[in-house]
């Protein structure tokens, strides 16, 4: 697999792409559950101690 340039992707990049493809595939098959925006923002604020 190659990136936008002629450089080869690193093993970390390839692992990231593989994980993203797996997550996208699960989403397309409706195997994931969405998070509400309110919960996501609440969790972020909690993590940032706001």
N, C-alpha and C. Protein backbone atom coordinates (compact mmCIF):
# COMPACT_ATOMS: atom_id res chain seq x y z
N UNK A 1 0.85 -1.17 0.00
CA UNK A 1 0.00 0.00 0.00
C UNK A 1 0.89 1.23 0.00
N UNK A 2 0.53 2.22 -0.74
CA UNK A 2 1.31 3.46 -0.81
C UNK A 2 0.43 4.64 -0.46
N UNK A 3 1.05 5.67 0.07
CA UNK A 3 0.33 6.88 0.42
C UNK A 3 0.13 7.77 -0.81
N UNK A 4 -0.14 9.02 -0.56
CA UNK A 4 -0.39 9.97 -1.64
C UNK A 4 0.90 10.28 -2.41
N UNK A 5 2.04 10.10 -1.78
CA UNK A 5 3.32 10.31 -2.45
C UNK A 5 3.89 8.95 -2.83
N UNK A 6 5.07 8.95 -3.37
CA UNK A 6 5.68 7.68 -3.77
C UNK A 6 6.26 6.92 -2.59
N UNK A 7 6.29 7.55 -1.42
CA UNK A 7 6.84 6.89 -0.24
C UNK A 7 5.92 5.78 0.24
N UNK A 8 6.50 4.69 0.69
CA UNK A 8 5.72 3.60 1.26
C UNK A 8 5.22 4.01 2.64
N UNK A 9 4.07 3.47 3.01
CA UNK A 9 3.54 3.72 4.35
C UNK A 9 4.37 2.95 5.37
N UNK A 10 4.48 3.51 6.57
CA UNK A 10 5.17 2.80 7.64
C UNK A 10 4.26 1.69 8.15
N UNK A 11 4.80 0.81 8.95
CA UNK A 11 3.99 -0.27 9.51
C UNK A 11 2.90 0.29 10.42
N UNK A 12 3.18 1.40 11.09
CA UNK A 12 2.17 2.04 11.93
C UNK A 12 1.04 2.58 11.05
N UNK A 13 1.41 3.24 9.95
CA UNK A 13 0.39 3.74 9.02
C UNK A 13 -0.46 2.61 8.47
N UNK A 14 0.17 1.53 8.08
CA UNK A 14 -0.57 0.39 7.54
C UNK A 14 -1.51 -0.20 8.58
N UNK A 15 -1.05 -0.29 9.83
CA UNK A 15 -1.91 -0.80 10.91
C UNK A 15 -3.10 0.13 11.13
N UNK A 16 -2.85 1.45 11.06
CA UNK A 16 -3.93 2.43 11.24
C UNK A 16 -4.97 2.28 10.13
N UNK A 17 -4.50 2.15 8.90
CA UNK A 17 -5.41 1.99 7.75
C UNK A 17 -6.22 0.70 7.89
N UNK A 18 -5.57 -0.38 8.29
CA UNK A 18 -6.27 -1.66 8.46
C UNK A 18 -7.36 -1.54 9.53
N UNK A 19 -7.05 -0.87 10.63
CA UNK A 19 -8.04 -0.67 11.69
C UNK A 19 -9.19 0.20 11.20
N UNK A 20 -8.87 1.27 10.48
CA UNK A 20 -9.91 2.15 9.95
C UNK A 20 -10.83 1.39 8.99
N UNK A 21 -10.25 0.56 8.13
CA UNK A 21 -11.05 -0.23 7.20
C UNK A 21 -11.95 -1.21 7.94
N UNK A 22 -11.43 -1.81 9.00
CA UNK A 22 -12.22 -2.75 9.79
C UNK A 22 -13.38 -2.03 10.49
N UNK A 23 -13.11 -0.86 11.06
CA UNK A 23 -14.15 -0.09 11.72
C UNK A 23 -15.22 0.36 10.71
N UNK A 24 -14.78 0.81 9.54
CA UNK A 24 -15.72 1.25 8.51
C UNK A 24 -16.59 0.09 8.04
N UNK A 25 -15.98 -1.07 7.87
CA UNK A 25 -16.73 -2.25 7.44
C UNK A 25 -17.79 -2.62 8.48
N UNK A 26 -17.43 -2.56 9.76
CA UNK A 26 -18.40 -2.86 10.82
C UNK A 26 -19.53 -1.83 10.81
N UNK A 27 -19.20 -0.57 10.58
CA UNK A 27 -20.21 0.49 10.53
C UNK A 27 -21.17 0.25 9.37
N UNK A 28 -20.61 -0.12 8.20
CA UNK A 28 -21.46 -0.36 7.03
C UNK A 28 -22.42 -1.53 7.27
N UNK A 29 -21.98 -2.52 8.03
CA UNK A 29 -22.84 -3.67 8.32
C UNK A 29 -23.75 -3.42 9.51
N UNK A 30 -23.72 -2.16 10.02
CA UNK A 30 -24.56 -1.74 11.15
C UNK A 30 -24.26 -2.53 12.42
N UNK A 31 -22.99 -2.86 12.63
CA UNK A 31 -22.57 -3.60 13.81
C UNK A 31 -22.06 -2.68 14.93
N UNK A 32 -22.08 -1.38 14.67
CA UNK A 32 -21.61 -0.43 15.68
C UNK A 32 -22.79 0.33 16.25
N UNK A 33 -22.62 0.84 17.46
CA UNK A 33 -23.67 1.66 18.05
C UNK A 33 -23.14 3.09 18.14
N UNK A 34 -23.96 4.04 17.73
CA UNK A 34 -23.51 5.43 17.75
C UNK A 34 -23.49 5.99 19.17
N UNK A 35 -22.63 6.98 19.38
CA UNK A 35 -22.60 7.72 20.63
C UNK A 35 -23.30 9.05 20.40
N UNK A 36 -24.01 9.50 21.40
CA UNK A 36 -24.65 10.81 21.25
C UNK A 36 -23.59 11.90 21.36
N UNK A 37 -23.83 13.00 20.68
CA UNK A 37 -22.91 14.13 20.75
C UNK A 37 -22.84 14.66 22.17
N UNK A 38 -23.97 14.68 22.86
CA UNK A 38 -23.99 15.19 24.24
C UNK A 38 -23.10 14.34 25.15
N UNK A 39 -23.18 13.03 25.01
CA UNK A 39 -22.34 12.16 25.85
C UNK A 39 -20.87 12.33 25.50
N UNK A 40 -20.58 12.43 24.20
CA UNK A 40 -19.19 12.61 23.78
C UNK A 40 -18.61 13.90 24.35
N UNK A 41 -19.36 14.99 24.24
CA UNK A 41 -18.88 16.27 24.78
C UNK A 41 -18.75 16.23 26.30
N UNK A 42 -19.70 15.59 26.96
CA UNK A 42 -19.63 15.44 28.43
C UNK A 42 -18.36 14.69 28.82
N UNK A 43 -18.05 13.59 28.11
CA UNK A 43 -16.85 12.81 28.41
C UNK A 43 -15.58 13.61 28.15
N UNK A 44 -15.56 14.40 27.08
CA UNK A 44 -14.39 15.22 26.77
C UNK A 44 -14.19 16.25 27.86
N UNK A 45 -15.28 16.91 28.26
CA UNK A 45 -15.17 17.91 29.32
C UNK A 45 -14.67 17.28 30.62
N UNK A 46 -15.16 16.08 30.91
CA UNK A 46 -14.73 15.38 32.13
C UNK A 46 -13.24 15.07 32.05
N UNK A 47 -12.79 14.58 30.90
CA UNK A 47 -11.38 14.25 30.73
C UNK A 47 -10.49 15.50 30.83
N UNK A 48 -11.01 16.64 30.37
CA UNK A 48 -10.24 17.89 30.40
C UNK A 48 -10.42 18.63 31.72
N UNK A 49 -11.24 18.07 32.61
CA UNK A 49 -11.53 18.68 33.92
C UNK A 49 -12.13 20.07 33.76
N UNK A 50 -13.08 20.22 32.83
CA UNK A 50 -13.75 21.50 32.62
C UNK A 50 -15.06 21.54 33.36
